[in-house]
Amino acid sequence: MDAATDLTPLLSAVANGDRQALRAVYERQSVRLFGVANAILRDRDSAADALQDAFLRIAQRAHQFDPDRGTAEAWLAAIVRYAALDMARARGREIPTDDPALGDQPVEAEALERVSASAEGRRLHQCLATLEERNRRGIVLAFVHGLSHAQISARLELPLGTVKAWIRRGLLRLRECLA
C-alpha cells in the first residue's frame, strides 16, 4: 500500500475529529505540500504560514474529501495551492526573485518532480512531456507557480490572449492524454 492509499482512511478519521490522524497526514505530506506552497510564494516563511493555514482548512474540511473524485494527495495539494494563492493575493504583489533568467528557460518545477513519484504523477509527467514547450511552460507557470494569465503574459512578453489560448490548448491535450 502506498502513502496516497493510506491517506483516504486518515482523512476520514480527520473528518471525525481525530487529531492523531491529522498529525499522521501532516507527517506524511508536509514536505511535499511545503514544496507546493514554496513554489508559489517563493518565500520559506510565507510558505510555512500557507501550509499552516492549509492544515487548518484540511481539519475543517476533511469531510468534503471524496475519493471517487480524485486522490487524497491531489485534494491536499489543491488546498495548499489555494492557501498559498490566497496569501499571494492578500500581499498584493509578487515576491521578486534573484534569478533574472526565471521565465526565460523551460521550467521543470520541483513540485512536479515530487508528484511524479506516484503512478498518477508519472502519468501526468509523461503527458506534460508530450505537450509543446509553450503549452507546458504556460501550464507550469499557472498551476505550479500560481501565476495569473496576466502575470504569465508579462513574464513571457506575449499578448494575454495568446497565453490564455496556449494554456487552454495544453489543458485540453492533457485531459485527452490522461483520459
Protein backbone atom coordinates (compact mmCIF):
# COMPACT_ATOMS: atom_id res chain seq x y z
CA MET A 1 0.00 0.00 0.00
CA ASP A 2 1.44 3.40 -0.91
CA ALA A 3 1.23 6.62 1.10
CA ALA A 4 -1.59 8.04 -1.05
CA THR A 5 -3.74 4.97 -0.46
CA ASP A 6 -3.21 5.27 3.29
CA LEU A 7 -4.42 8.89 3.26
CA THR A 8 -8.07 8.14 2.49
CA PRO A 9 -8.86 6.44 5.83
CA LEU A 10 -6.78 9.06 7.61
CA LEU A 11 -8.81 11.89 6.06
CA SER A 12 -11.96 10.05 7.06
CA ALA A 13 -10.66 9.96 10.63
CA VAL A 14 -9.75 13.67 10.45
CA ALA A 15 -13.33 14.37 9.37
CA ASN A 16 -14.45 12.68 12.60
CA GLY A 17 -12.18 14.94 14.67
CA ASP A 18 -9.22 12.57 15.13
CA ARG A 19 -6.22 14.82 15.87
CA GLN A 20 -3.76 11.92 15.64
CA ALA A 21 -4.94 11.24 12.10
CA LEU A 22 -4.37 14.91 11.23
CA ARG A 23 -0.86 14.62 12.68
CA ALA A 24 -0.24 11.50 10.57
CA VAL A 25 -1.39 13.29 7.41
CA TYR A 26 0.91 16.19 8.29
CA GLU A 27 3.89 13.90 8.91
CA ARG A 28 3.39 12.07 5.61
CA GLN A 29 2.61 15.03 3.38
CA SER A 30 4.06 18.23 4.88
CA VAL A 31 7.38 18.14 2.99
CA ARG A 32 5.65 17.70 -0.37
CA LEU A 33 2.97 20.26 0.42
CA PHE A 34 5.52 22.77 1.68
CA GLY A 35 7.19 22.43 -1.74
CA VAL A 36 3.89 23.30 -3.44
CA ALA A 37 3.43 26.42 -1.28
CA ASN A 38 7.07 27.45 -1.65
CA ALA A 39 6.93 27.09 -5.45
CA ILE A 40 4.04 29.56 -5.49
CA LEU A 41 5.22 32.02 -2.84
CA ARG A 42 9.00 31.71 -3.29
CA ASP A 43 9.45 32.60 0.38
CA ARG A 44 10.01 29.92 3.03
CA ASP A 45 8.34 31.84 5.86
CA SER A 46 5.26 32.62 3.78
CA ALA A 47 5.14 29.02 2.55
CA ALA A 48 5.21 27.78 6.15
CA ASP A 49 2.34 30.15 7.01
CA ALA A 50 0.37 28.97 3.98
CA LEU A 51 0.97 25.34 4.97
CA GLN A 52 -0.30 26.02 8.49
CA ASP A 53 -3.38 27.75 7.11
CA ALA A 54 -3.94 24.85 4.71
CA PHE A 55 -3.83 22.29 7.53
CA LEU A 56 -6.41 24.29 9.43
CA ARG A 57 -8.58 24.13 6.31
CA ILE A 58 -7.89 20.41 5.96
CA ALA A 59 -9.01 19.82 9.56
CA GLN A 60 -12.19 21.81 8.95
CA ARG A 61 -13.00 20.40 5.50
CA ALA A 62 -11.84 16.79 5.64
CA HIS A 63 -15.48 15.72 5.40
CA GLN A 64 -15.55 17.23 1.88
CA PHE A 65 -12.92 14.83 0.54
CA ASP A 66 -14.45 12.35 -1.90
CA PRO A 67 -12.12 9.56 -3.03
CA ASP A 68 -14.35 8.96 -6.06
CA ARG A 69 -13.44 12.43 -7.38
CA GLY A 70 -9.66 12.12 -7.03
CA THR A 71 -6.77 11.12 -4.84
CA ALA A 72 -6.22 12.40 -1.33
CA GLU A 73 -2.80 13.63 -2.43
CA ALA A 74 -4.33 15.82 -5.15
CA TRP A 75 -7.02 17.11 -2.77
CA LEU A 76 -4.41 18.11 -0.19
CA ALA A 77 -2.23 19.77 -2.83
CA ALA A 78 -5.21 21.78 -4.09
CA ILE A 79 -5.96 23.06 -0.59
CA VAL A 80 -2.33 24.10 -0.11
CA ARG A 81 -2.25 25.69 -3.54
CA TYR A 82 -5.35 27.76 -2.80
CA ALA A 83 -4.00 28.77 0.62
CA ALA A 84 -0.75 29.93 -1.00
CA LEU A 85 -2.57 31.77 -3.77
CA ASP A 86 -4.83 33.46 -1.21
CA MET A 87 -1.74 34.59 0.67
CA ALA A 88 -0.10 35.86 -2.51
CA ARG A 89 -3.23 37.80 -3.45
CA ALA A 90 -3.51 39.25 0.05
CA ARG A 91 0.04 40.55 -0.26
CA GLY A 92 -1.00 42.20 -3.48
CA ARG A 93 2.35 41.69 -5.13
CA GLU A 94 4.70 39.05 -6.39
CA ILE A 95 7.90 38.40 -4.47
CA PRO A 96 10.83 39.24 -6.73
CA THR A 97 13.41 36.57 -7.36
CA ASP A 98 17.16 36.92 -7.69
CA ASP A 99 17.12 34.76 -10.81
CA PRO A 100 16.93 37.06 -13.85
CA ALA A 101 16.54 34.06 -16.15
CA LEU A 102 13.32 32.86 -14.49
CA GLY A 103 10.72 32.62 -17.20
CA ASP A 104 13.38 32.58 -19.92
CA GLN A 105 14.17 28.88 -19.55
CA PRO A 106 11.81 25.91 -19.64
CA VAL A 107 10.52 25.39 -16.12
CA GLU A 108 10.80 21.96 -14.54
CA ALA A 109 9.42 22.65 -11.08
CA GLU A 110 10.47 20.63 -8.04
CA ALA A 111 6.82 20.13 -7.19
CA LEU A 112 6.30 18.20 -10.42
CA GLU A 113 9.27 16.00 -9.59
CA ARG A 114 7.81 15.17 -6.17
CA VAL A 115 4.40 14.35 -7.60
CA SER A 116 5.97 12.23 -10.34
CA ALA A 117 6.94 9.63 -7.74
CA SER A 118 3.34 8.37 -7.72
CA ALA A 119 1.80 6.42 -10.61
CA GLU A 120 -0.60 9.27 -11.38
CA GLY A 121 2.29 11.70 -11.14
CA ARG A 122 4.36 9.67 -13.60
CA ARG A 123 1.41 9.62 -15.98
CA LEU A 124 0.98 13.41 -15.63
CA HIS A 125 4.70 13.91 -16.23
CA GLN A 126 4.54 11.73 -19.36
CA CYS A 127 1.56 13.68 -20.66
CA LEU A 128 3.23 17.01 -19.92
CA ALA A 129 6.26 15.84 -21.89
CA THR A 130 4.06 15.30 -24.97
CA LEU A 131 2.93 18.93 -24.98
CA GLU A 132 4.62 21.62 -26.99
CA GLU A 133 7.06 23.55 -24.82
CA ARG A 134 4.98 26.74 -24.90
CA ASN A 135 1.86 24.91 -23.65
CA ARG A 136 3.80 23.07 -20.95
CA ARG A 137 5.54 26.27 -19.83
CA GLY A 138 2.25 28.16 -19.51
CA ILE A 139 0.63 25.35 -17.53
CA VAL A 140 3.58 25.05 -15.15
CA LEU A 141 3.74 28.80 -14.56
CA ALA A 142 -0.01 28.90 -13.89
CA PHE A 143 -0.59 25.75 -11.87
CA VAL A 144 2.73 25.14 -10.15
CA HIS A 145 3.97 28.68 -9.66
CA GLY A 146 0.48 30.15 -9.23
CA LEU A 147 0.88 33.00 -11.71
CA SER A 148 -2.19 34.58 -13.26
CA HIS A 149 -2.60 34.70 -17.02
CA ALA A 150 -1.72 38.41 -16.93
CA GLN A 151 1.47 37.71 -14.95
CA ILE A 152 2.47 34.97 -17.39
CA SER A 153 1.76 37.30 -20.30
CA ALA A 154 4.02 39.96 -18.77
CA ARG A 155 6.77 37.48 -17.87
CA LEU A 156 6.82 35.91 -21.35
CA GLU A 157 6.22 39.26 -23.08
CA LEU A 158 3.32 37.84 -25.08
CA PRO A 159 -0.25 39.04 -25.64
CA LEU A 160 -2.68 37.93 -22.93
CA GLY A 161 -4.94 36.18 -25.45
CA THR A 162 -2.01 34.14 -26.76
CA VAL A 163 -1.08 32.98 -23.26
CA LYS A 164 -4.69 32.04 -22.47
CA ALA A 165 -5.00 30.11 -25.75
CA TRP A 166 -1.75 28.21 -25.15
CA ILE A 167 -2.76 27.22 -21.64
CA ARG A 168 -6.26 26.21 -22.72
CA ARG A 169 -4.98 24.08 -25.60
CA GLY A 170 -2.41 22.49 -23.33
CA LEU A 171 -5.04 21.66 -20.72
CA LEU A 172 -7.28 20.12 -23.37
CA ARG A 173 -4.39 17.97 -24.61
CA LEU A 174 -3.56 16.97 -21.04
CA ARG A 175 -7.15 15.93 -20.43
CA GLU A 176 -7.11 13.78 -23.58
CA CYS A 177 -3.79 12.21 -22.63
CA LEU A 178 -4.84 11.48 -19.04
CA ALA A 179 -8.24 10.03 -20.05
